[in-house]
Amino acid sequence: MASTAASPTTTTPSRTPGSAAQALALNLRQGLRRLLRNPMTLAGVLVIALMLLVALFAPWIATHDPFEQNLKQALRAPSHANWFGTDEYGRDIFSRLVHGSRISLYVIALVTVIVGPVGLAVGSMAGYFGGWVDNLFMRITDIFISFPSLVLALAFVAALGPGLDHAVIAIALAAWPPIARLARAEALSLRHADYVIAAQLQGASSARILARYIAPMLMSSVVVRLTMNMANVLLIAAGLGFLGLGAQPPAPEWGAMISSGRRYMIECWWLVAAPGLAIMLVSLAFNLIGDGLRDVLDPRSE
């Protein structure tokens, strides 16, 4: 009598993460997959990645010394020897553009590092405590936000004096209020959440609640806002450089390059076209990445 052997059952491996670290890694992989699935966001990521590589390897990518002057080669049109032409001092525009990416990334990174924690702290405290704390912080925020960012940055840098570091401080002072208002709006909706009330009943201090329960829930919205704010930071930095209040000559800052080339732009269009195109592409890329991050991090977009 033939005995029927029970076929072993095949079990599919569970995708349920076994720890918080595994859950975080799984969420990051899924978010990155969704982020790169959007062709516009992918284009923005590629532009910023290219800019990072150019800034990192600028000495090897640049074909000339960005500060070397050669008046005999002044105002030369784009050619095989000078890919983007030369400026009024005979300096290679392509090389100056490549080295200028370092200045732009320096300003964007430093302003973001300053603005993110300040805006998050002010907004979360205002939304959580409410009352006079909220009124005090929001009235200060309203004063800052009532002026256009570029005008406010001009006022601060005029008081501090021209220079790249002073421009960074001025831009940071003008860029934190939108982050604070966003964090405050999110904190208002979270301060009466069940898990926050449970932490209060267990005797958790306000600082612990803000750091462990409120701030992490605000991070997604703040990150999206900071990413989209990077385009505005780049434009303000270029505006200050154009007015001679940012990076000082002979630094190859993109806004300053446009300022020095505007006197010859009718006959020598490449003087302003190259840095202007770089500013436009990088600003557009940051906006595209911000839109993609909003779609990934906002649960309402599901």
C-alpha atoms as a PDB file:
ATOM      1  CA  MET A   1       0.000   0.000   0.000  1.00  0.00           C
ATOM      2  CA  ALA A   2       1.571   3.187  -1.181  1.00  0.00           C
ATOM      3  CA  SER A   3       1.789   5.763   1.492  1.00  0.00           C
ATOM      4  CA  THR A   4       1.173   9.300   0.466  1.00  0.00           C
ATOM      5  CA  ALA A   5       4.007  11.443   1.803  1.00  0.00           C
ATOM      6  CA  ALA A   6       2.934  14.836   2.894  1.00  0.00           C
ATOM      7  CA  SER A   7       4.556  17.406   0.707  1.00  0.00           C
ATOM      8  CA  PRO A   8       6.462  19.979   2.703  1.00  0.00           C
ATOM      9  CA  THR A   9       4.698  23.288   2.806  1.00  0.00           C
ATOM     10  CA  THR A  10       6.662  26.172   1.385  1.00  0.00           C
ATOM     11  CA  THR A  11       6.664  29.209   3.607  1.00  0.00           C
ATOM     12  CA  THR A  12       7.275  32.597   2.159  1.00  0.00           C
ATOM     13  CA  PRO A  13       9.718  34.678   4.137  1.00  0.00           C
ATOM     14  CA  SER A  14       8.035  37.362   6.145  1.00  0.00           C
ATOM     15  CA  ARG A  15       8.758  40.939   5.223  1.00  0.00           C
ATOM     16  CA  THR A  16       7.841  42.149   8.688  1.00  0.00           C
ATOM     17  CA  PRO A  17      10.878  43.939  10.144  1.00  0.00           C
ATOM     18  CA  GLY A  18      12.250  42.438  13.312  1.00  0.00           C
ATOM     19  CA  SER A  19      13.639  45.615  14.828  1.00  0.00           C
ATOM     20  CA  ALA A  20      13.361  49.378  14.641  1.00  0.00           C
ATOM     21  CA  ALA A  21      16.555  49.556  12.575  1.00  0.00           C
ATOM     22  CA  GLN A  22      15.172  47.072  10.043  1.00  0.00           C
ATOM     23  CA  ALA A  23      11.905  48.988   9.868  1.00  0.00           C
ATOM     24  CA  LEU A  24      13.782  52.225   9.251  1.00  0.00           C
ATOM     25  CA  ALA A  25      15.907  50.613   6.536  1.00  0.00           C
ATOM     26  CA  LEU A  26      12.790  49.161   4.875  1.00  0.00           C
ATOM     27  CA  ASN A  27      11.030  52.534   4.932  1.00  0.00           C
ATOM     28  CA  LEU A  28      14.094  54.237   3.479  1.00  0.00           C
ATOM     29  CA  ARG A  29      14.316  51.713   0.631  1.00  0.00           C
ATOM     30  CA  GLN A  30      10.631  52.048  -0.169  1.00  0.00           C
ATOM     31  CA  GLY A  31      10.784  55.835   0.011  1.00  0.00           C
ATOM     32  CA  LEU A  32      13.862  55.980  -2.208  1.00  0.00           C
ATOM     33  CA  ARG A  33      12.182  53.654  -4.714  1.00  0.00           C
ATOM     34  CA  ARG A  34       9.110  55.868  -4.823  1.00  0.00           C
ATOM     35  CA  LEU A  35      11.234  58.989  -5.037  1.00  0.00           C
ATOM     36  CA  LEU A  36      13.265  57.791  -8.018  1.00  0.00           C
ATOM     37  CA  ARG A  37      10.206  56.409  -9.801  1.00  0.00           C
ATOM     38  CA  ASN A  38       9.155  59.967 -10.637  1.00  0.00           C
ATOM     39  CA  PRO A  39      11.127  61.051 -13.745  1.00  0.00           C
ATOM     40  CA  MET A  40      11.077  64.738 -12.787  1.00  0.00           C
ATOM     41  CA  THR A  41      12.396  64.009  -9.303  1.00  0.00           C
ATOM     42  CA  LEU A  42      15.015  61.701 -10.785  1.00  0.00           C
ATOM     43  CA  ALA A  43      16.140  64.521 -13.073  1.00  0.00           C
ATOM     44  CA  GLY A  44      16.512  66.828 -10.070  1.00  0.00           C
ATOM     45  CA  VAL A  45      18.499  64.203  -8.163  1.00  0.00           C
ATOM     46  CA  LEU A  46      20.835  63.724 -11.131  1.00  0.00           C
ATOM     47  CA  VAL A  47      21.457  67.475 -11.440  1.00  0.00           C
ATOM     48  CA  ILE A  48      22.284  67.854  -7.734  1.00  0.00           C
ATOM     49  CA  ALA A  49      24.426  64.704  -7.787  1.00  0.00           C
ATOM     50  CA  LEU A  50      26.314  66.101 -10.774  1.00  0.00           C
ATOM     51  CA  MET A  51      26.809  69.397  -8.952  1.00  0.00           C
ATOM     52  CA  LEU A  52      28.169  67.574  -5.898  1.00  0.00           C
ATOM     53  CA  LEU A  53      30.616  65.621  -8.044  1.00  0.00           C
ATOM     54  CA  VAL A  54      31.708  68.767  -9.855  1.00  0.00           C
ATOM     55  CA  ALA A  55      32.293  70.587  -6.561  1.00  0.00           C
ATOM     56  CA  LEU A  56      34.139  67.616  -5.075  1.00  0.00           C
ATOM     57  CA  PHE A  57      36.474  67.144  -8.034  1.00  0.00           C
ATOM     58  CA  ALA A  58      36.656  70.793  -9.117  1.00  0.00           C
ATOM     59  CA  PRO A  59      40.497  70.978  -9.297  1.00  0.00           C
ATOM     60  CA  TRP A  60      40.553  68.011 -11.675  1.00  0.00           C
ATOM     61  CA  ILE A  61      37.502  68.996 -13.751  1.00  0.00           C
ATOM     62  CA  ALA A  62      38.477  72.640 -14.298  1.00  0.00           C
ATOM     63  CA  THR A  63      40.524  73.095 -17.451  1.00  0.00           C
ATOM     64  CA  HIS A  64      42.240  76.314 -16.288  1.00  0.00           C
ATOM     65  CA  ASP A  65      43.136  78.175 -13.135  1.00  0.00           C
ATOM     66  CA  PRO A  66      39.922  80.086 -12.252  1.00  0.00           C
ATOM     67  CA  PHE A  67      41.945  83.108 -11.066  1.00  0.00           C
ATOM     68  CA  GLU A  68      44.519  83.258 -13.855  1.00  0.00           C
ATOM     69  CA  GLN A  69      44.204  86.421 -15.950  1.00  0.00           C
ATOM     70  CA  ASN A  70      45.247  86.732 -19.586  1.00  0.00           C
ATOM     71  CA  LEU A  71      44.140  90.015 -21.119  1.00  0.00           C
ATOM     72  CA  LYS A  72      45.185  88.840 -24.572  1.00  0.00           C
ATOM     73  CA  GLN A  73      42.463  86.163 -24.341  1.00  0.00           C
ATOM     74  CA  ALA A  74      39.771  88.502 -22.955  1.00  0.00           C
ATOM     75  CA  LEU A  75      36.173  88.123 -24.123  1.00  0.00           C
ATOM     76  CA  ARG A  76      36.857  85.101 -26.310  1.00  0.00           C
ATOM     77  CA  ALA A  77      33.802  83.208 -27.552  1.00  0.00           C
ATOM     78  CA  PRO A  78      33.274  79.560 -26.551  1.00  0.00           C
ATOM     79  CA  SER A  79      35.808  77.353 -28.294  1.00  0.00           C
ATOM     80  CA  HIS A  80      37.731  74.120 -27.931  1.00  0.00           C
ATOM     81  CA  ALA A  81      40.304  75.854 -25.717  1.00  0.00           C
ATOM     82  CA  ASN A  82      37.700  77.643 -23.556  1.00  0.00           C
ATOM     83  CA  TRP A  83      34.451  75.694 -23.509  1.00  0.00           C
ATOM     84  CA  PHE A  84      32.312  78.554 -22.138  1.00  0.00           C
ATOM     85  CA  GLY A  85      34.513  81.396 -23.382  1.00  0.00           C
ATOM     86  CA  THR A  86      36.501  83.876 -21.309  1.00  0.00           C
ATOM     87  CA  ASP A  87      35.558  86.963 -19.312  1.00  0.00           C
ATOM     88  CA  GLU A  88      36.861  90.521 -19.524  1.00  0.00           C
ATOM     89  CA  TYR A  89      40.096  89.514 -17.769  1.00  0.00           C
ATOM     90  CA  GLY A  90      40.703  86.465 -19.928  1.00  0.00           C
ATOM     91  CA  ARG A  91      39.721  84.019 -17.180  1.00  0.00           C
ATOM     92  CA  ASP A  92      38.152  80.751 -18.260  1.00  0.00           C
ATOM     93  CA  ILE A  93      34.421  80.859 -17.506  1.00  0.00           C
ATOM     94  CA  PHE A  94      33.998  77.078 -17.375  1.00  0.00           C
ATOM     95  CA  SER A  95      36.689  76.760 -14.709  1.00  0.00           C
ATOM     96  CA  ARG A  96      35.215  79.608 -12.685  1.00  0.00           C
ATOM     97  CA  LEU A  97      31.779  78.013 -12.971  1.00  0.00           C
ATOM     98  CA  VAL A  98      33.129  74.699 -11.711  1.00  0.00           C
ATOM     99  CA  HIS A  99      34.865  76.272  -8.704  1.00  0.00           C
ATOM    100  CA  GLY A 100      31.844  78.504  -8.082  1.00  0.00           C
ATOM    101  CA  SER A 101      29.753  75.397  -7.403  1.00  0.00           C
ATOM    102  CA  ARG A 102      31.737  74.982  -4.185  1.00  0.00           C
ATOM    103  CA  ILE A 103      30.734  78.444  -2.993  1.00  0.00           C
ATOM    104  CA  SER A 104      27.069  77.835  -3.809  1.00  0.00           C
ATOM    105  CA  LEU A 105      27.021  74.488  -2.002  1.00  0.00           C
ATOM    106  CA  TYR A 106      28.832  76.021   0.968  1.00  0.00           C
ATOM    107  CA  VAL A 107      26.180  78.736   1.323  1.00  0.00           C
ATOM    108  CA  ILE A 108      23.262  76.318   0.849  1.00  0.00           C
ATOM    109  CA  ALA A 109      24.621  73.738   3.305  1.00  0.00           C
ATOM    110  CA  LEU A 110      25.547  76.241   6.009  1.00  0.00           C
ATOM    111  CA  VAL A 111      22.258  78.129   5.808  1.00  0.00           C
ATOM    112  CA  THR A 112      20.292  74.863   5.935  1.00  0.00           C
ATOM    113  CA  VAL A 113      22.237  73.650   8.978  1.00  0.00           C
ATOM    114  CA  ILE A 114      21.439  76.918  10.770  1.00  0.00           C
ATOM    115  CA  VAL A 115      17.852  77.423   9.628  1.00  0.00           C
ATOM    116  CA  GLY A 116      16.567  73.874  10.174  1.00  0.00           C
ATOM    117  CA  PRO A 117      17.227  73.518  13.938  1.00  0.00           C
ATOM    118  CA  VAL A 118      16.313  77.152  14.687  1.00  0.00           C
ATOM    119  CA  GLY A 119      13.012  77.031  12.815  1.00  0.00           C
ATOM    120  CA  LEU A 120      12.145  73.611  14.225  1.00  0.00           C
ATOM    121  CA  ALA A 121      12.911  74.669  17.803  1.00  0.00           C
ATOM    122  CA  VAL A 122      11.010  77.959  17.634  1.00  0.00           C
ATOM    123  CA  GLY A 123       7.986  76.478  15.875  1.00  0.00           C
ATOM    124  CA  SER A 124       7.688  73.366  18.038  1.00  0.00           C
ATOM    125  CA  MET A 125       7.947  75.328  21.291  1.00  0.00           C
ATOM    126  CA  ALA A 126       5.417  77.902  20.110  1.00  0.00           C
ATOM    127  CA  GLY A 127       2.935  75.232  19.055  1.00  0.00           C
ATOM    128  CA  TYR A 128       3.393  73.022  22.103  1.00  0.00           C
ATOM    129  CA  PHE A 129       3.337  75.597  24.891  1.00  0.00           C
ATOM    130  CA  GLY A 130       0.881  78.047  23.335  1.00  0.00           C
ATOM    131  CA  GLY A 131      -0.137  81.101  25.353  1.00  0.00           C
ATOM    132  CA  TRP A 132       2.405  83.878  25.787  1.00  0.00           C
ATOM    133  CA  VAL A 133       5.226  81.715  24.415  1.00  0.00           C
ATOM    134  CA  ASP A 134       3.316  81.255  21.168  1.00  0.00           C
ATOM    135  CA  ASN A 135       2.428  84.956  21.000  1.00  0.00           C
ATOM    136  CA  LEU A 136       6.012  86.058  21.638  1.00  0.00           C
ATOM    137  CA  PHE A 137       7.626  83.716  19.113  1.00  0.00           C
ATOM    138  CA  MET A 138       5.004  84.265  16.430  1.00  0.00           C
ATOM    139  CA  ARG A 139       5.086  88.057  16.716  1.00  0.00           C
ATOM    140  CA  ILE A 140       8.853  87.940  16.212  1.00  0.00           C
ATOM    141  CA  THR A 141       8.326  85.563  13.297  1.00  0.00           C
ATOM    142  CA  ASP A 142       5.704  87.877  11.784  1.00  0.00           C
ATOM    143  CA  ILE A 143       8.142  90.792  11.902  1.00  0.00           C
ATOM    144  CA  PHE A 144      10.743  88.789   9.984  1.00  0.00           C
ATOM    145  CA  ILE A 145       8.308  87.270   7.522  1.00  0.00           C
ATOM    146  CA  SER A 146       6.625  90.577   6.694  1.00  0.00           C
ATOM    147  CA  PHE A 147       9.634  91.554   4.565  1.00  0.00           C
ATOM    148  CA  PRO A 148      10.701  89.775   1.370  1.00  0.00           C
ATOM    149  CA  SER A 149      13.625  87.455   2.021  1.00  0.00           C
ATOM    150  CA  LEU A 150      15.991  89.257  -0.340  1.00  0.00           C
ATOM    151  CA  VAL A 151      15.170  92.686   1.123  1.00  0.00           C
ATOM    152  CA  LEU A 152      15.668  91.409   4.664  1.00  0.00           C
ATOM    153  CA  ALA A 153      18.952  89.731   3.717  1.00  0.00           C
ATOM    154  CA  LEU A 154      20.103  92.988   2.108  1.00  0.00           C
ATOM    155  CA  ALA A 155      19.351  94.863   5.312  1.00  0.00           C
ATOM    156  CA  PHE A 156      21.283  92.401   7.468  1.00  0.00           C
ATOM    157  CA  VAL A 157      24.293  92.163   5.172  1.00  0.00           C
ATOM    158  CA  ALA A 158      24.384  95.956   4.886  1.00  0.00           C
ATOM    159  CA  ALA A 159      24.623  96.125   8.670  1.00  0.00           C
ATOM    160  CA  LEU A 160      27.165  93.315   8.947  1.00  0.00           C
ATOM    161  CA  GLY A 161      29.247  94.321   5.956  1.00  0.00           C
ATOM    162  CA  PRO A 162      29.943  92.550   2.647  1.00  0.00           C
ATOM    163  CA  GLY A 163      31.500  89.108   2.660  1.00  0.00           C
ATOM    164  CA  LEU A 164      30.555  85.480   2.169  1.00  0.00           C
ATOM    165  CA  ASP A 165      30.247  84.606   5.872  1.00  0.00           C
ATOM    166  CA  HIS A 166      28.166  87.711   6.547  1.00  0.00           C
ATOM    167  CA  ALA A 167      25.956  86.784   3.593  1.00  0.00           C
ATOM    168  CA  VAL A 168      25.391  83.334   5.099  1.00  0.00           C
ATOM    169  CA  ILE A 169      24.340  84.875   8.423  1.00  0.00           C
ATOM    170  CA  ALA A 170      22.044  87.365   6.668  1.00  0.00           C
ATOM    171  CA  ILE A 171      20.378  84.679   4.556  1.00  0.00           C
ATOM    172  CA  ALA A 172      19.900  82.442   7.614  1.00  0.00           C
ATOM    173  CA  LEU A 173      18.277  85.285   9.560  1.00  0.00           C
ATOM    174  CA  ALA A 174      15.865  85.833   6.678  1.00  0.00           C
ATOM    175  CA  ALA A 175      15.119  82.154   5.958  1.00  0.00           C
ATOM    176  CA  TRP A 176      14.075  80.667   9.328  1.00  0.00           C
ATOM    177  CA  PRO A 177      10.553  82.192   9.754  1.00  0.00           C
ATOM    178  CA  PRO A 178       8.759  79.952   7.175  1.00  0.00           C
ATOM    179  CA  ILE A 179      10.252  76.867   8.837  1.00  0.00           C
ATOM    180  CA  ALA A 180       9.088  78.083  12.247  1.00  0.00           C
ATOM    181  CA  ARG A 181       5.536  78.754  11.055  1.00  0.00           C
ATOM    182  CA  LEU A 182       5.306  75.324   9.458  1.00  0.00           C
ATOM    183  CA  ALA A 183       6.630  73.584  12.587  1.00  0.00           C
ATOM    184  CA  ARG A 184       4.264  75.579  14.781  1.00  0.00           C
ATOM    185  CA  ALA A 185       1.225  74.585  12.695  1.00  0.00           C
ATOM    186  CA  GLU A 186       2.191  70.907  12.907  1.00  0.00           C
ATOM    187  CA  ALA A 187       2.920  71.114  16.648  1.00  0.00           C
ATOM    188  CA  LEU A 188      -0.493  72.634  17.343  1.00  0.00           C
ATOM    189  CA  SER A 189      -2.163  69.532  15.949  1.00  0.00           C
ATOM    190  CA  LEU A 190       0.148  67.167  17.867  1.00  0.00           C
ATOM    191  CA  ARG A 191       0.184  68.622  21.383  1.00  0.00           C
ATOM    192  CA  HIS A 192      -3.214  67.026  22.181  1.00  0.00           C
ATOM    193  CA  ALA A 193      -2.352  63.653  20.612  1.00  0.00           C
ATOM    194  CA  ASP A 194      -2.939  60.566  22.768  1.00  0.00           C
ATOM    195  CA  TYR A 195       0.716  59.578  22.986  1.00  0.00           C
ATOM    196  CA  VAL A 196       1.703  63.111  24.072  1.00  0.00           C
ATOM    197  CA  ILE A 197      -0.967  63.135  26.791  1.00  0.00           C
ATOM    198  CA  ALA A 198       0.162  59.665  27.905  1.00  0.00           C
ATOM    199  CA  ALA A 199       3.745  60.916  28.195  1.00  0.00           C
ATOM    200  CA  GLN A 200       2.556  63.892  30.240  1.00  0.00           C
ATOM    201  CA  LEU A 201       0.647  61.589  32.603  1.00  0.00           C
ATOM    202  CA  GLN A 202       3.780  59.507  33.079  1.00  0.00           C
ATOM    203  CA  GLY A 203       5.613  62.632  34.239  1.00  0.00           C
ATOM    204  CA  ALA A 204       7.737  63.308  31.169  1.00  0.00           C
ATOM    205  CA  SER A 205       9.193  66.807  31.086  1.00  0.00           C
ATOM    206  CA  SER A 206       8.317  69.293  28.368  1.00  0.00           C
ATOM    207  CA  ALA A 207      11.845  69.107  26.954  1.00  0.00           C
ATOM    208  CA  ARG A 208      11.612  65.312  26.678  1.00  0.00           C
ATOM    209  CA  ILE A 209       8.193  65.485  25.011  1.00  0.00           C
ATOM    210  CA  LEU A 210       9.416  68.069  22.516  1.00  0.00           C
ATOM    211  CA  ALA A 211      12.594  66.164  21.716  1.00  0.00           C
ATOM    212  CA  ARG A 212      11.183  62.625  21.624  1.00  0.00           C
ATOM    213  CA  TYR A 213       7.543  62.955  20.579  1.00  0.00           C
ATOM    214  CA  ILE A 214       6.918  66.306  18.872  1.00  0.00           C
ATOM    215  CA  ALA A 215      10.112  67.065  16.909  1.00  0.00           C
ATOM    216  CA  PRO A 216      10.397  63.641  15.174  1.00  0.00           C
ATOM    217  CA  MET A 217       6.847  63.991  13.881  1.00  0.00           C
ATOM    218  CA  LEU A 218       7.701  67.386  12.397  1.00  0.00           C
ATOM    219  CA  MET A 219      10.840  66.245  10.610  1.00  0.00           C
ATOM    220  CA  SER A 220       9.191  65.107   7.369  1.00  0.00           C
ATOM    221  CA  SER A 221       7.448  68.431   6.766  1.00  0.00           C
ATOM    222  CA  VAL A 222      10.540  70.407   7.781  1.00  0.00           C
ATOM    223  CA  VAL A 223      12.819  68.371   5.488  1.00  0.00           C
ATOM    224  CA  VAL A 224      10.521  68.987   2.525  1.00  0.00           C
ATOM    225  CA  ARG A 225      10.390  72.703   3.278  1.00  0.00           C
ATOM    226  CA  LEU A 226      14.161  72.913   3.724  1.00  0.00           C
ATOM    227  CA  THR A 227      14.766  71.162   0.408  1.00  0.00           C
ATOM    228  CA  MET A 228      12.501  73.541  -1.473  1.00  0.00           C
ATOM    229  CA  ASN A 229      14.020  76.450   0.487  1.00  0.00           C
ATOM    230  CA  MET A 230      17.471  75.607  -0.900  1.00  0.00           C
ATOM    231  CA  ALA A 231      16.472  77.055  -4.270  1.00  0.00           C
ATOM    232  CA  ASN A 232      15.521  80.330  -2.589  1.00  0.00           C
ATOM    233  CA  VAL A 233      18.803  80.350  -0.653  1.00  0.00           C
ATOM    234  CA  LEU A 234      20.739  79.949  -3.901  1.00  0.00           C
ATOM    235  CA  LEU A 235      18.817  82.797  -5.535  1.00  0.00           C
ATOM    236  CA  ILE A 236      19.331  85.133  -2.563  1.00  0.00           C
ATOM    237  CA  ALA A 237      23.047  84.288  -2.444  1.00  0.00           C
ATOM    238  CA  ALA A 238      23.315  85.001  -6.166  1.00  0.00           C
ATOM    239  CA  GLY A 239      21.424  88.265  -5.678  1.00  0.00           C
ATOM    240  CA  LEU A 240      23.785  89.373  -2.920  1.00  0.00           C
ATOM    241  CA  GLY A 241      26.767  88.397  -5.049  1.00  0.00           C
ATOM    242  CA  PHE A 242      25.311  90.337  -7.983  1.00  0.00           C
ATOM    243  CA  LEU A 243      25.088  93.447  -5.798  1.00  0.00           C
ATOM    244  CA  GLY A 244      28.632  92.987  -4.508  1.00  0.00           C
ATOM    245  CA  LEU A 245      27.527  92.100  -0.962  1.00  0.00           C
ATOM    246  CA  GLY A 246      28.275  88.375  -1.021  1.00  0.00           C
ATOM    247  CA  ALA A 247      31.493  86.660  -2.054  1.00  0.00           C
ATOM    248  CA  GLN A 248      34.050  89.292  -2.962  1.00  0.00           C
ATOM    249  CA  PRO A 249      36.178  89.401  -6.138  1.00  0.00           C
ATOM    250  CA  PRO A 250      37.988  87.501  -7.461  1.00  0.00           C
ATOM    251  CA  ALA A 251      35.940  84.637  -5.957  1.00  0.00           C
ATOM    252  CA  PRO A 252      34.068  82.792  -8.755  1.00  0.00           C
ATOM    253  CA  GLU A 253      30.590  83.179  -7.268  1.00  0.00           C
ATOM    254  CA  TRP A 254      27.814  82.743  -9.846  1.00  0.00           C
ATOM    255  CA  GLY A 255      25.920  85.945  -9.005  1.00  0.00           C
ATOM    256  CA  ALA A 256      29.129  87.990  -9.035  1.00  0.00           C
ATOM    257  CA  MET A 257      30.015  86.472 -12.418  1.00  0.00           C
ATOM    258  CA  ILE A 258      26.716  87.705 -13.833  1.00  0.00           C
ATOM    259  CA  SER A 259      27.305  91.134 -12.317  1.00  0.00           C
ATOM    260  CA  SER A 260      30.754  91.516 -13.858  1.00  0.00           C
ATOM    261  CA  GLY A 261      29.582  90.235 -17.235  1.00  0.00           C
ATOM    262  CA  ARG A 262      26.432  92.328 -17.592  1.00  0.00           C
ATOM    263  CA  ARG A 263      28.432  95.230 -19.096  1.00  0.00           C
ATOM    264  CA  TYR A 264      29.371  93.050 -22.074  1.00  0.00           C
ATOM    265  CA  MET A 265      26.288  90.848 -22.295  1.00  0.00           C
ATOM    266  CA  ILE A 266      25.031  92.294 -25.599  1.00  0.00           C
ATOM    267  CA  GLU A 267      28.151  91.353 -27.541  1.00  0.00           C
ATOM    268  CA  CYS A 268      29.406  88.552 -25.255  1.00  0.00           C
ATOM    269  CA  TRP A 269      26.261  86.684 -24.194  1.00  0.00           C
ATOM    270  CA  TRP A 270      28.195  83.749 -22.716  1.00  0.00           C
ATOM    271  CA  LEU A 271      29.389  85.873 -19.791  1.00  0.00           C
ATOM    272  CA  VAL A 272      25.928  85.831 -18.205  1.00  0.00           C
ATOM    273  CA  ALA A 273      24.380  82.827 -19.960  1.00  0.00           C
ATOM    274  CA  ALA A 274      26.658  80.221 -18.346  1.00  0.00           C
ATOM    275  CA  PRO A 275      26.256  81.236 -14.661  1.00  0.00           C
ATOM    276  CA  GLY A 276      22.607  82.152 -15.213  1.00  0.00           C
ATOM    277  CA  LEU A 277      21.874  78.715 -16.660  1.00  0.00           C
ATOM    278  CA  ALA A 278      23.688  77.066 -13.751  1.00  0.00           C
ATOM    279  CA  ILE A 279      21.595  78.989 -11.195  1.00  0.00           C
ATOM    280  CA  MET A 280      18.385  78.129 -13.044  1.00  0.00           C
ATOM    281  CA  LEU A 281      19.153  74.401 -13.332  1.00  0.00           C
ATOM    282  CA  VAL A 282      20.219  73.976  -9.702  1.00  0.00           C
ATOM    283  CA  SER A 283      17.226  75.957  -8.383  1.00  0.00           C
ATOM    284  CA  LEU A 284      14.856  73.904 -10.530  1.00  0.00           C
ATOM    285  CA  ALA A 285      16.496  70.688  -9.360  1.00  0.00           C
ATOM    286  CA  PHE A 286      15.985  71.534  -5.676  1.00  0.00           C
ATOM    287  CA  ASN A 287      12.321  72.341  -6.331  1.00  0.00           C
ATOM    288  CA  LEU A 288      11.820  69.052  -8.174  1.00  0.00           C
ATOM    289  CA  ILE A 289      13.427  67.105  -5.327  1.00  0.00           C
ATOM    290  CA  GLY A 290      11.256  68.951  -2.811  1.00  0.00           C
ATOM    291  CA  ASP A 291       8.110  68.039  -4.752  1.00  0.00           C
ATOM    292  CA  GLY A 292       9.198  64.412  -4.849  1.00  0.00           C
ATOM    293  CA  LEU A 293       9.972  64.344  -1.120  1.00  0.00           C
ATOM    294  CA  ARG A 294       6.565  65.845  -0.377  1.00  0.00           C
ATOM    295  CA  ASP A 295       4.872  63.069  -2.337  1.00  0.00           C
ATOM    296  CA  VAL A 296       6.892  60.438  -0.470  1.00  0.00           C
ATOM    297  CA  LEU A 297       6.729  61.849   3.064  1.00  0.00           C
ATOM    298  CA  ASP A 298       3.155  63.161   3.032  1.00  0.00           C
ATOM    299  CA  PRO A 299       0.802  60.300   3.953  1.00  0.00           C
ATOM    300  CA  ARG A 300      -2.102  62.144   2.355  1.00  0.00           C
ATOM    301  CA  SER A 301      -0.480  61.646  -1.049  1.00  0.00           C
ATOM    302  CA  GLU A 302      -1.125  57.900  -0.926  1.00  0.00           C
END
